[in-house]
């Protein structure tokens, strides 16, 4: 049993107007090629990155295995000078290391205070920010964050969804991205915003039998490619080479829809959080009934949710 694989569409030379008129309303991932991104795609070598931002300290994820798991926290956080970190992340075997000589490194930039401030490359990496031309395919007031990322070759990030639209800008190196539609959430064994299925290529189908039902979308990103990931689409990212990327998140819903304490763009909208709390209370109330009645009324609740809230126009 294997998942069906759908290649993500690739479009070249898409203008802002074309994107907003033809691509954006479809709410599907698409790879945009040939976009003007500035000098970063040619300038950002390991040596240039090291020199540009020097020895300021950065907090990084360090993992002994390529598949990072946020649920079991199979990595440690460590701090390194930025220039040392870049050199190490670009190596395959390390002379100096924290866990093992083939450990993997991952930087996800955060704000000054990660609990209060959003990531913004212009504030955290101002020199590098001058080399980047972010595609302005959304209004300035919709901008939420620009997240600078560096990954070791072979690193795989857990499958998750974000609640905001974003562009994954692959500046250097190559990535493979596997995506799943929001509609396939029932097959992804979710814990919060994350899937428990770590190895999407060789899943444990005894443990996760429904996973095979999820339709898999896939694309390969090269330097200069931009992947549009609509809000709520699940994505699993594999760095096939050492690489540098930039995620730009923007608010697709009215600003007041989002949780004001959300600095990462992954907290459910406030209305969704309230609805889940109400549902939890309803389920708690059902516990007052015997099992046979609980089962019957739970099924009626599911039917009511399907009737009132499910879309019927998915392709």
Foldseek 3Di string as FASTA:
>chain_A
DAFAEAEAAEEEPQALVNCVPPPVVVQGKYKYFDDDWFQLLPQDDLVNQCVQQDFDKAKKWKAPDQQQDPVVRRTDIDIGGRNVVSVQLQDQAQPDDDPHRRIKIKGKDADPPNQAAAAACCPPPVRSVVRTDDRPSDDPVQWQYKIKMWIHAFHKYFKFFFQFKKKKAWAAAKKKKKKFALVLVVQQCDDQGTGPQRPSPDGPCVVRVSVSVTHIYMDMDHHRMIMINHGSMIMMMHGNHTTIIMMITTHPDPPQQCDNSDRPRHDHGPVVVVVVVVVVVVLVVLVVDPPVVSVVVVVVVVVVCCVPPNDDPDD
